[in-house]
Amino acid sequence: MANRRLTILGIGVVICLFGCARTLLPKAELNKRLVVAANEGRIADLRELLDMGADANLKDEKGTPLISTAAANGQADLVAALIGKKADVEARNSSGFTPLMHAVKNGRTETARVLLLWHADPNAKSPMGQTVLDIAKTRGDAEMVSLLNDKGARGAGTSSVGQKP
């Protein structure tokens, strides 16, 4: 009986050693794997890596936050997972654009909805003074303009319905 308990205990230790080994990865390795998982759209892996301590506010070598890349690619699930782990919905890339600006510029309406649900600023301005609504209008994206208007967005020098004051 004692041998059997020891064997069961031994198996438990081995399982823990292999199962727990991933949690011992250095943060740099976790972050590297996070970028790969995000680029490949592997949401389950991304969530696991975030749970293990990977940085939800990670930026790539060009200074683009992972949440902005996901927003530009229309990966609403990935955006939501990152936000759930405290990613900054207002994180700006090196050009001064927010994740919402990336979603709008690329016509990613569902992703824009997710960002707005998590209180992304519909009136954020780019360094050139262009608002999110201005970007949607430039694209001629009526659905996005309507969504942004519903959230109180204003263009540069316009009211919330897009008309000159």
C-alpha atoms as a PDB file:
ATOM      1  CA  MET A   1       0.000   0.000   0.000  1.00  0.00           C
ATOM      2  CA  ALA A   2       2.824   2.393   0.849  1.00  0.00           C
ATOM      3  CA  ASN A   3       4.509   1.604  -2.482  1.00  0.00           C
ATOM      4  CA  ARG A   4       1.289   2.357  -4.331  1.00  0.00           C
ATOM      5  CA  ARG A   5       0.940   5.764  -2.625  1.00  0.00           C
ATOM      6  CA  LEU A   6       4.538   6.578  -3.465  1.00  0.00           C
ATOM      7  CA  THR A   7       3.965   5.604  -7.091  1.00  0.00           C
ATOM      8  CA  ILE A   8       0.848   7.781  -7.292  1.00  0.00           C
ATOM      9  CA  LEU A   9       2.709  10.615  -5.600  1.00  0.00           C
ATOM     10  CA  GLY A  10       5.614  10.130  -8.018  1.00  0.00           C
ATOM     11  CA  ILE A  11       3.302  10.347 -11.005  1.00  0.00           C
ATOM     12  CA  GLY A  12       1.768  13.505  -9.571  1.00  0.00           C
ATOM     13  CA  VAL A  13       5.199  15.089  -9.192  1.00  0.00           C
ATOM     14  CA  VAL A  14       6.167  14.152 -12.757  1.00  0.00           C
ATOM     15  CA  ILE A  15       2.892  15.529 -14.095  1.00  0.00           C
ATOM     16  CA  CYS A  16       3.441  18.735 -12.155  1.00  0.00           C
ATOM     17  CA  LEU A  17       7.015  18.993 -13.367  1.00  0.00           C
ATOM     18  CA  PHE A  18       5.910  18.786 -16.976  1.00  0.00           C
ATOM     19  CA  GLY A  19       2.659  20.692 -16.600  1.00  0.00           C
ATOM     20  CA  CYS A  20       4.129  23.413 -14.420  1.00  0.00           C
ATOM     21  CA  ALA A  21       7.325  23.851 -16.431  1.00  0.00           C
ATOM     22  CA  ARG A  22       5.698  26.379 -18.763  1.00  0.00           C
ATOM     23  CA  THR A  23       4.948  28.655 -15.839  1.00  0.00           C
ATOM     24  CA  LEU A  24       8.665  28.896 -15.152  1.00  0.00           C
ATOM     25  CA  LEU A  25       9.446  30.493 -18.519  1.00  0.00           C
ATOM     26  CA  PRO A  26      11.130  33.895 -18.404  1.00  0.00           C
ATOM     27  CA  LYS A  27       8.843  36.831 -19.183  1.00  0.00           C
ATOM     28  CA  ALA A  28      10.746  37.553 -22.407  1.00  0.00           C
ATOM     29  CA  GLU A  29       9.984  34.040 -23.660  1.00  0.00           C
ATOM     30  CA  LEU A  30       6.329  34.335 -22.646  1.00  0.00           C
ATOM     31  CA  ASN A  31       6.091  37.621 -24.550  1.00  0.00           C
ATOM     32  CA  LYS A  32       7.776  36.122 -27.609  1.00  0.00           C
ATOM     33  CA  ARG A  33       5.293  33.253 -27.599  1.00  0.00           C
ATOM     34  CA  LEU A  34       2.437  35.722 -27.076  1.00  0.00           C
ATOM     35  CA  VAL A  35       3.321  37.576 -30.280  1.00  0.00           C
ATOM     36  CA  VAL A  36       3.430  34.307 -32.231  1.00  0.00           C
ATOM     37  CA  ALA A  37       0.093  33.150 -30.785  1.00  0.00           C
ATOM     38  CA  ALA A  38      -1.489  36.519 -31.586  1.00  0.00           C
ATOM     39  CA  ASN A  39      -0.119  36.579 -35.143  1.00  0.00           C
ATOM     40  CA  GLU A  40      -1.469  33.072 -35.721  1.00  0.00           C
ATOM     41  CA  GLY A  41      -4.845  33.882 -34.134  1.00  0.00           C
ATOM     42  CA  ARG A  42      -4.479  31.195 -31.466  1.00  0.00           C
ATOM     43  CA  ILE A  43      -6.778  32.705 -28.830  1.00  0.00           C
ATOM     44  CA  ALA A  44      -6.587  29.770 -26.378  1.00  0.00           C
ATOM     45  CA  ASP A  45      -2.778  29.895 -26.376  1.00  0.00           C
ATOM     46  CA  LEU A  46      -2.857  33.661 -26.040  1.00  0.00           C
ATOM     47  CA  ARG A  47      -5.118  33.445 -22.987  1.00  0.00           C
ATOM     48  CA  GLU A  48      -2.892  30.803 -21.412  1.00  0.00           C
ATOM     49  CA  LEU A  49       0.244  32.886 -21.994  1.00  0.00           C
ATOM     50  CA  LEU A  50      -1.449  35.957 -20.518  1.00  0.00           C
ATOM     51  CA  ASP A  51      -2.474  33.882 -17.499  1.00  0.00           C
ATOM     52  CA  MET A  52       1.170  32.823 -17.128  1.00  0.00           C
ATOM     53  CA  GLY A  53       2.326  36.445 -16.986  1.00  0.00           C
ATOM     54  CA  ALA A  54       2.887  37.585 -20.574  1.00  0.00           C
ATOM     55  CA  ASP A  55       2.446  41.341 -21.047  1.00  0.00           C
ATOM     56  CA  ALA A  56      -0.991  42.326 -22.430  1.00  0.00           C
ATOM     57  CA  ASN A  57       0.459  45.775 -23.259  1.00  0.00           C
ATOM     58  CA  LEU A  58       3.310  44.389 -25.331  1.00  0.00           C
ATOM     59  CA  LYS A  59       4.555  46.484 -28.265  1.00  0.00           C
ATOM     60  CA  ASP A  60       6.410  45.172 -31.303  1.00  0.00           C
ATOM     61  CA  GLU A  61       9.780  46.436 -32.513  1.00  0.00           C
ATOM     62  CA  LYS A  62       8.043  49.288 -34.385  1.00  0.00           C
ATOM     63  CA  GLY A  63       6.245  50.458 -31.244  1.00  0.00           C
ATOM     64  CA  THR A  64       2.844  49.087 -32.199  1.00  0.00           C
ATOM     65  CA  PRO A  65       0.849  47.629 -29.302  1.00  0.00           C
ATOM     66  CA  LEU A  66      -0.362  44.075 -29.817  1.00  0.00           C
ATOM     67  CA  ILE A  67      -3.939  45.296 -29.271  1.00  0.00           C
ATOM     68  CA  SER A  68      -3.554  47.733 -32.194  1.00  0.00           C
ATOM     69  CA  THR A  69      -2.321  44.993 -34.522  1.00  0.00           C
ATOM     70  CA  ALA A  70      -5.242  42.793 -33.473  1.00  0.00           C
ATOM     71  CA  ALA A  71      -7.658  45.708 -34.009  1.00  0.00           C
ATOM     72  CA  ALA A  72      -6.262  46.430 -37.474  1.00  0.00           C
ATOM     73  CA  ASN A  73      -6.625  42.748 -38.396  1.00  0.00           C
ATOM     74  CA  GLY A  74     -10.201  42.576 -37.148  1.00  0.00           C
ATOM     75  CA  GLN A  75      -9.431  40.031 -34.434  1.00  0.00           C
ATOM     76  CA  ALA A  76     -12.228  41.073 -32.070  1.00  0.00           C
ATOM     77  CA  ASP A  77     -11.795  37.956 -29.875  1.00  0.00           C
ATOM     78  CA  LEU A  78      -8.104  38.661 -29.481  1.00  0.00           C
ATOM     79  CA  VAL A  79      -8.794  42.316 -28.653  1.00  0.00           C
ATOM     80  CA  ALA A  80     -11.319  41.237 -26.006  1.00  0.00           C
ATOM     81  CA  ALA A  81      -8.858  38.710 -24.530  1.00  0.00           C
ATOM     82  CA  LEU A  82      -6.132  41.355 -24.307  1.00  0.00           C
ATOM     83  CA  ILE A  83      -8.499  43.868 -22.708  1.00  0.00           C
ATOM     84  CA  GLY A  84      -9.587  41.199 -20.251  1.00  0.00           C
ATOM     85  CA  LYS A  85      -5.950  41.037 -19.138  1.00  0.00           C
ATOM     86  CA  LYS A  86      -5.706  44.829 -18.731  1.00  0.00           C
ATOM     87  CA  ALA A  87      -4.443  45.851 -22.166  1.00  0.00           C
ATOM     88  CA  ASP A  88      -4.736  49.630 -22.561  1.00  0.00           C
ATOM     89  CA  VAL A  89      -7.582  50.433 -25.002  1.00  0.00           C
ATOM     90  CA  GLU A  90      -5.970  53.847 -25.549  1.00  0.00           C
ATOM     91  CA  ALA A  91      -2.420  52.575 -26.171  1.00  0.00           C
ATOM     92  CA  ARG A  92      -0.888  54.549 -29.019  1.00  0.00           C
ATOM     93  CA  ASN A  93       1.568  53.314 -31.574  1.00  0.00           C
ATOM     94  CA  SER A  94       4.692  55.260 -32.511  1.00  0.00           C
ATOM     95  CA  SER A  95       2.588  57.331 -34.956  1.00  0.00           C
ATOM     96  CA  GLY A  96       0.085  58.269 -32.251  1.00  0.00           C
ATOM     97  CA  PHE A  97      -2.831  56.094 -33.378  1.00  0.00           C
ATOM     98  CA  THR A  98      -5.095  54.198 -30.959  1.00  0.00           C
ATOM     99  CA  PRO A  99      -6.458  50.662 -31.432  1.00  0.00           C
ATOM    100  CA  LEU A 100      -9.877  52.162 -32.287  1.00  0.00           C
ATOM    101  CA  MET A 101      -8.280  54.270 -35.028  1.00  0.00           C
ATOM    102  CA  HIS A 102      -6.686  51.104 -36.453  1.00  0.00           C
ATOM    103  CA  ALA A 103     -10.011  49.238 -36.388  1.00  0.00           C
ATOM    104  CA  VAL A 104     -11.851  52.121 -38.067  1.00  0.00           C
ATOM    105  CA  LYS A 105      -9.128  52.707 -40.679  1.00  0.00           C
ATOM    106  CA  ASN A 106      -9.349  49.051 -41.686  1.00  0.00           C
ATOM    107  CA  GLY A 107     -13.148  48.820 -41.622  1.00  0.00           C
ATOM    108  CA  ARG A 108     -13.268  46.407 -38.674  1.00  0.00           C
ATOM    109  CA  THR A 109     -16.710  47.250 -37.320  1.00  0.00           C
ATOM    110  CA  GLU A 110     -17.020  44.332 -34.862  1.00  0.00           C
ATOM    111  CA  THR A 111     -13.608  45.102 -33.414  1.00  0.00           C
ATOM    112  CA  ALA A 112     -14.540  48.771 -33.103  1.00  0.00           C
ATOM    113  CA  ARG A 113     -17.695  47.706 -31.217  1.00  0.00           C
ATOM    114  CA  VAL A 114     -15.590  45.671 -28.777  1.00  0.00           C
ATOM    115  CA  LEU A 115     -13.218  48.585 -28.192  1.00  0.00           C
ATOM    116  CA  LEU A 116     -16.104  51.013 -27.679  1.00  0.00           C
ATOM    117  CA  LEU A 117     -17.788  48.572 -25.304  1.00  0.00           C
ATOM    118  CA  TRP A 118     -14.585  48.718 -23.227  1.00  0.00           C
ATOM    119  CA  HIS A 119     -14.672  52.533 -23.283  1.00  0.00           C
ATOM    120  CA  ALA A 120     -12.221  53.352 -26.055  1.00  0.00           C
ATOM    121  CA  ASP A 121     -12.418  57.106 -26.646  1.00  0.00           C
ATOM    122  CA  PRO A 122     -14.543  57.770 -29.761  1.00  0.00           C
ATOM    123  CA  ASN A 123     -13.170  61.330 -29.826  1.00  0.00           C
ATOM    124  CA  ALA A 124      -9.460  60.540 -29.674  1.00  0.00           C
ATOM    125  CA  LYS A 125      -7.391  62.570 -32.118  1.00  0.00           C
ATOM    126  CA  SER A 126      -4.327  61.593 -34.079  1.00  0.00           C
ATOM    127  CA  PRO A 127      -1.242  63.832 -33.881  1.00  0.00           C
ATOM    128  CA  MET A 128      -2.506  65.504 -37.088  1.00  0.00           C
ATOM    129  CA  GLY A 129      -5.832  66.314 -35.404  1.00  0.00           C
ATOM    130  CA  GLN A 130      -7.835  63.684 -37.260  1.00  0.00           C
ATOM    131  CA  THR A 131     -10.583  62.061 -35.167  1.00  0.00           C
ATOM    132  CA  VAL A 132     -11.889  58.510 -35.359  1.00  0.00           C
ATOM    133  CA  LEU A 133     -15.040  59.846 -37.026  1.00  0.00           C
ATOM    134  CA  ASP A 134     -12.931  61.708 -39.602  1.00  0.00           C
ATOM    135  CA  ILE A 135     -11.191  58.416 -40.445  1.00  0.00           C
ATOM    136  CA  ALA A 136     -14.528  56.609 -40.904  1.00  0.00           C
ATOM    137  CA  LYS A 137     -15.874  59.409 -43.118  1.00  0.00           C
ATOM    138  CA  THR A 138     -12.721  59.390 -45.245  1.00  0.00           C
ATOM    139  CA  ARG A 139     -13.286  55.673 -45.817  1.00  0.00           C
ATOM    140  CA  GLY A 140     -16.925  56.309 -46.720  1.00  0.00           C
ATOM    141  CA  ASP A 141     -17.937  53.691 -44.160  1.00  0.00           C
ATOM    142  CA  ALA A 142     -21.573  54.551 -43.312  1.00  0.00           C
ATOM    143  CA  GLU A 143     -21.963  51.691 -40.811  1.00  0.00           C
ATOM    144  CA  MET A 144     -18.865  52.795 -38.906  1.00  0.00           C
ATOM    145  CA  VAL A 145     -19.945  56.455 -38.998  1.00  0.00           C
ATOM    146  CA  SER A 146     -23.317  55.434 -37.555  1.00  0.00           C
ATOM    147  CA  LEU A 147     -21.681  53.331 -34.815  1.00  0.00           C
ATOM    148  CA  LEU A 148     -19.355  56.176 -33.859  1.00  0.00           C
ATOM    149  CA  ASN A 149     -22.144  58.762 -33.905  1.00  0.00           C
ATOM    150  CA  ASP A 150     -24.163  56.500 -31.592  1.00  0.00           C
ATOM    151  CA  LYS A 151     -21.199  56.585 -29.183  1.00  0.00           C
ATOM    152  CA  GLY A 152     -20.986  60.393 -29.258  1.00  0.00           C
ATOM    153  CA  ALA A 153     -18.073  60.727 -31.670  1.00  0.00           C
ATOM    154  CA  ARG A 154     -17.332  64.111 -33.183  1.00  0.00           C
ATOM    155  CA  GLY A 155     -15.154  64.963 -36.123  1.00  0.00           C
ATOM    156  CA  ALA A 156     -12.768  67.873 -36.139  1.00  0.00           C
ATOM    157  CA  GLY A 157     -15.034  70.933 -35.997  1.00  0.00           C
ATOM    158  CA  THR A 158     -18.311  68.974 -36.219  1.00  0.00           C
ATOM    159  CA  SER A 159     -21.138  68.110 -33.874  1.00  0.00           C
ATOM    160  CA  SER A 160     -21.838  64.522 -32.806  1.00  0.00           C
ATOM    161  CA  VAL A 161     -24.063  63.963 -35.854  1.00  0.00           C
ATOM    162  CA  GLY A 162     -21.286  65.004 -38.211  1.00  0.00           C
ATOM    163  CA  GLN A 163     -22.699  68.388 -39.154  1.00  0.00           C
ATOM    164  CA  LYS A 164     -20.884  71.702 -38.899  1.00  0.00           C
ATOM    165  CA  PRO A 165     -21.987  73.549 -35.748  1.00  0.00           C
END
